[in-house]
C-alpha cells in the first residue's frame, strides 16, 4: 500500500519515543483519517489555509495531534 512509506517511519519513531511529524501542503481532509487514525502519525507540520485547512479544524478533527508552536519559544 502507498501509505506503508509513512507507517514504517511513524511506527519506528513511536517505538523510540519520538514524534513523527508529517509535512505537506494542500487539502488533505480526504486522507486525514488514514494518516492520523490508521497510520498513527502524531504531528502535522503544515496547515494550508488557502486549501481549506485550518488549525482550528485540524485540532477539532484529531485532538491527539501534537500541538507545537515554534513561535512560542
N, C-alpha and C. Protein backbone atom coordinates (compact mmCIF):
# COMPACT_ATOMS: atom_id res chain seq x y z
N UNK A 1 0.85 -1.19 0.00
CA UNK A 1 0.00 0.00 0.00
C UNK A 1 0.88 1.24 0.00
N UNK A 2 0.40 2.28 -0.61
CA UNK A 2 1.17 3.52 -0.73
C UNK A 2 1.47 4.14 0.64
N UNK A 3 0.63 3.91 1.62
CA UNK A 3 0.82 4.53 2.92
C UNK A 3 1.84 3.81 3.79
N UNK A 4 2.34 2.64 3.35
CA UNK A 4 3.39 1.95 4.11
C UNK A 4 4.63 2.83 4.26
N UNK A 5 4.88 3.66 3.25
CA UNK A 5 6.02 4.57 3.31
C UNK A 5 5.90 5.60 4.43
N UNK A 6 4.72 5.80 4.95
CA UNK A 6 4.50 6.70 6.09
C UNK A 6 4.37 5.92 7.39
N UNK A 7 3.77 4.73 7.33
CA UNK A 7 3.54 3.94 8.54
C UNK A 7 4.85 3.43 9.13
N UNK A 8 5.78 3.00 8.29
CA UNK A 8 7.04 2.44 8.77
C UNK A 8 7.82 3.46 9.61
N UNK A 9 8.08 4.68 9.11
CA UNK A 9 8.80 5.64 9.96
C UNK A 9 7.97 6.12 11.16
N UNK A 10 6.65 6.20 10.99
CA UNK A 10 5.79 6.59 12.11
C UNK A 10 5.89 5.58 13.25
N UNK A 11 5.80 4.30 12.91
CA UNK A 11 5.92 3.24 13.92
C UNK A 11 7.30 3.22 14.56
N UNK A 12 8.34 3.42 13.74
CA UNK A 12 9.71 3.41 14.26
C UNK A 12 9.94 4.57 15.24
N UNK A 13 9.42 5.74 14.90
CA UNK A 13 9.55 6.89 15.81
C UNK A 13 8.83 6.63 17.13
N UNK A 14 7.60 6.11 17.05
CA UNK A 14 6.83 5.82 18.25
C UNK A 14 7.59 4.83 19.14
N UNK A 15 8.17 3.80 18.53
CA UNK A 15 8.92 2.78 19.27
C UNK A 15 10.10 3.39 20.02
N UNK A 16 10.72 4.41 19.44
CA UNK A 16 11.88 5.06 20.04
C UNK A 16 11.51 6.25 20.94
N UNK A 17 10.21 6.48 21.12
CA UNK A 17 9.75 7.58 21.96
C UNK A 17 9.83 8.93 21.28
N UNK A 18 9.85 8.92 19.95
CA UNK A 18 9.92 10.16 19.17
C UNK A 18 8.57 10.45 18.52
N UNK A 19 8.38 11.68 18.10
CA UNK A 19 7.15 12.08 17.42
C UNK A 19 7.44 12.19 15.92
N UNK A 20 6.63 11.53 15.10
CA UNK A 20 6.75 11.62 13.65
C UNK A 20 5.84 12.74 13.17
N UNK A 21 6.42 13.73 12.52
CA UNK A 21 5.68 14.88 12.04
C UNK A 21 5.55 14.81 10.52
N UNK A 22 4.32 14.75 10.03
CA UNK A 22 4.05 14.70 8.60
C UNK A 22 3.91 16.12 8.08
N UNK A 23 4.63 16.42 7.00
CA UNK A 23 4.59 17.77 6.43
C UNK A 23 4.16 17.70 4.98
N UNK A 24 3.15 18.45 4.65
CA UNK A 24 2.69 18.60 3.28
C UNK A 24 1.87 19.87 3.22
N UNK A 25 1.54 20.28 2.03
CA UNK A 25 0.60 21.39 1.91
C UNK A 25 -0.53 20.94 1.00
N UNK A 26 -1.54 21.74 0.96
CA UNK A 26 -2.73 21.35 0.22
C UNK A 26 -3.82 20.86 1.16
N UNK A 27 -4.89 20.41 0.58
CA UNK A 27 -6.05 19.94 1.35
C UNK A 27 -5.95 18.42 1.50
N UNK A 28 -5.74 17.96 2.73
CA UNK A 28 -5.60 16.52 2.98
C UNK A 28 -6.80 15.92 3.71
N UNK A 29 -7.93 16.65 3.77
CA UNK A 29 -9.08 16.14 4.51
C UNK A 29 -9.51 14.76 4.00
N UNK A 30 -9.38 14.48 2.70
CA UNK A 30 -9.83 13.20 2.14
C UNK A 30 -9.04 12.02 2.70
N UNK A 31 -7.79 12.24 3.11
CA UNK A 31 -6.98 11.15 3.65
C UNK A 31 -6.61 11.37 5.12
N UNK A 32 -7.22 12.36 5.74
CA UNK A 32 -6.89 12.73 7.12
C UNK A 32 -7.01 11.56 8.09
N UNK A 33 -8.14 10.86 8.05
CA UNK A 33 -8.34 9.73 8.98
C UNK A 33 -7.32 8.62 8.74
N UNK A 34 -6.97 8.39 7.49
CA UNK A 34 -5.96 7.36 7.20
C UNK A 34 -4.62 7.76 7.81
N UNK A 35 -4.22 9.01 7.63
CA UNK A 35 -2.93 9.47 8.13
C UNK A 35 -2.83 9.42 9.64
N UNK A 36 -3.85 9.92 10.32
CA UNK A 36 -3.74 10.09 11.76
C UNK A 36 -4.38 8.98 12.58
N UNK A 37 -5.37 8.30 12.07
CA UNK A 37 -6.00 7.21 12.83
C UNK A 37 -5.41 5.86 12.45
N UNK A 38 -5.35 5.56 11.16
CA UNK A 38 -4.86 4.25 10.73
C UNK A 38 -3.34 4.15 10.76
N UNK A 39 -2.65 5.14 10.21
CA UNK A 39 -1.19 5.12 10.18
C UNK A 39 -0.63 5.50 11.54
N UNK A 40 -1.28 6.41 12.22
CA UNK A 40 -0.85 6.82 13.56
C UNK A 40 0.14 7.96 13.59
N UNK A 41 0.16 8.78 12.55
CA UNK A 41 1.03 9.96 12.56
C UNK A 41 0.61 10.83 13.73
N UNK A 42 1.60 11.35 14.46
CA UNK A 42 1.31 12.08 15.70
C UNK A 42 1.34 13.59 15.57
N UNK A 43 1.93 14.11 14.50
CA UNK A 43 2.04 15.56 14.36
C UNK A 43 1.93 15.95 12.89
N UNK A 44 1.46 17.14 12.65
CA UNK A 44 1.27 17.65 11.30
C UNK A 44 1.95 18.99 11.19
N UNK A 45 2.81 19.17 10.17
CA UNK A 45 3.66 20.35 10.12
C UNK A 45 3.25 21.45 9.16
N UNK A 46 2.16 21.33 8.50
CA UNK A 46 1.73 22.38 7.59
C UNK A 46 0.22 22.53 7.68
N UNK A 47 -0.24 23.74 7.64
CA UNK A 47 -1.68 24.00 7.56
C UNK A 47 -1.86 25.00 6.43
N UNK A 48 -2.53 24.56 5.38
CA UNK A 48 -2.69 25.37 4.17
C UNK A 48 -4.09 25.98 4.15
N UNK A 49 -4.19 27.17 4.73
CA UNK A 49 -5.49 27.85 4.83
C UNK A 49 -6.13 28.07 3.47
N UNK A 50 -5.32 28.38 2.45
CA UNK A 50 -5.86 28.62 1.11
C UNK A 50 -6.47 27.36 0.50
N UNK A 51 -6.08 26.19 1.02
CA UNK A 51 -6.63 24.93 0.52
C UNK A 51 -7.76 24.42 1.42
N UNK A 52 -8.18 25.24 2.38
CA UNK A 52 -9.30 24.86 3.24
C UNK A 52 -8.90 24.20 4.54
N UNK A 53 -7.60 24.18 4.84
CA UNK A 53 -7.14 23.59 6.10
C UNK A 53 -6.96 24.73 7.11
N UNK A 54 -7.43 24.52 8.34
CA UNK A 54 -7.20 25.50 9.39
C UNK A 54 -6.74 24.77 10.65
N UNK A 55 -5.99 25.46 11.48
CA UNK A 55 -5.52 24.87 12.74
C UNK A 55 -6.71 24.46 13.60
N UNK A 56 -7.72 25.31 13.65
CA UNK A 56 -8.89 25.02 14.47
C UNK A 56 -9.57 23.72 14.02
N UNK A 57 -9.77 23.57 12.72
CA UNK A 57 -10.39 22.35 12.20
C UNK A 57 -9.51 21.13 12.40
N UNK A 58 -8.21 21.32 12.24
CA UNK A 58 -7.26 20.22 12.42
C UNK A 58 -7.35 19.66 13.84
N UNK A 59 -7.31 20.53 14.84
CA UNK A 59 -7.37 20.07 16.22
C UNK A 59 -8.75 19.53 16.59
N UNK A 60 -9.78 20.05 15.97
CA UNK A 60 -11.12 19.52 16.22
C UNK A 60 -11.26 18.11 15.67
N UNK A 61 -10.61 17.83 14.54
CA UNK A 61 -10.69 16.52 13.91
C UNK A 61 -9.84 15.48 14.66
N UNK A 62 -8.73 15.91 15.24
CA UNK A 62 -7.82 14.96 15.89
C UNK A 62 -7.17 15.64 17.09
N UNK A 63 -7.83 15.56 18.22
CA UNK A 63 -7.32 16.21 19.43
C UNK A 63 -6.00 15.63 19.89
N UNK A 64 -5.67 14.39 19.48
CA UNK A 64 -4.44 13.74 19.94
C UNK A 64 -3.20 14.22 19.18
N UNK A 65 -3.38 15.01 18.13
CA UNK A 65 -2.23 15.51 17.38
C UNK A 65 -1.40 16.42 18.27
N UNK A 66 -0.08 16.25 18.21
CA UNK A 66 0.83 17.07 18.99
C UNK A 66 0.67 18.54 18.60
N UNK A 67 0.60 19.40 19.60
CA UNK A 67 0.48 20.84 19.36
C UNK A 67 1.83 21.48 19.69
N UNK A 68 2.46 22.00 18.68
CA UNK A 68 3.79 22.61 18.85
C UNK A 68 3.82 23.91 18.09
N UNK A 69 4.21 24.97 18.76
CA UNK A 69 4.31 26.26 18.11
C UNK A 69 5.72 26.80 18.31
N UNK A 70 6.59 26.68 17.29
CA UNK A 70 7.95 27.17 17.44
C UNK A 70 8.03 28.67 17.68
N UNK A 71 6.99 29.40 17.32
CA UNK A 71 6.97 30.84 17.53
C UNK A 71 6.80 31.18 19.02
N UNK A 72 6.34 30.21 19.80
CA UNK A 72 6.10 30.45 21.23
C UNK A 72 7.38 30.30 22.04
N UNK A 73 8.44 29.85 21.44
CA UNK A 73 9.70 29.64 22.18
C UNK A 73 10.52 30.89 22.24
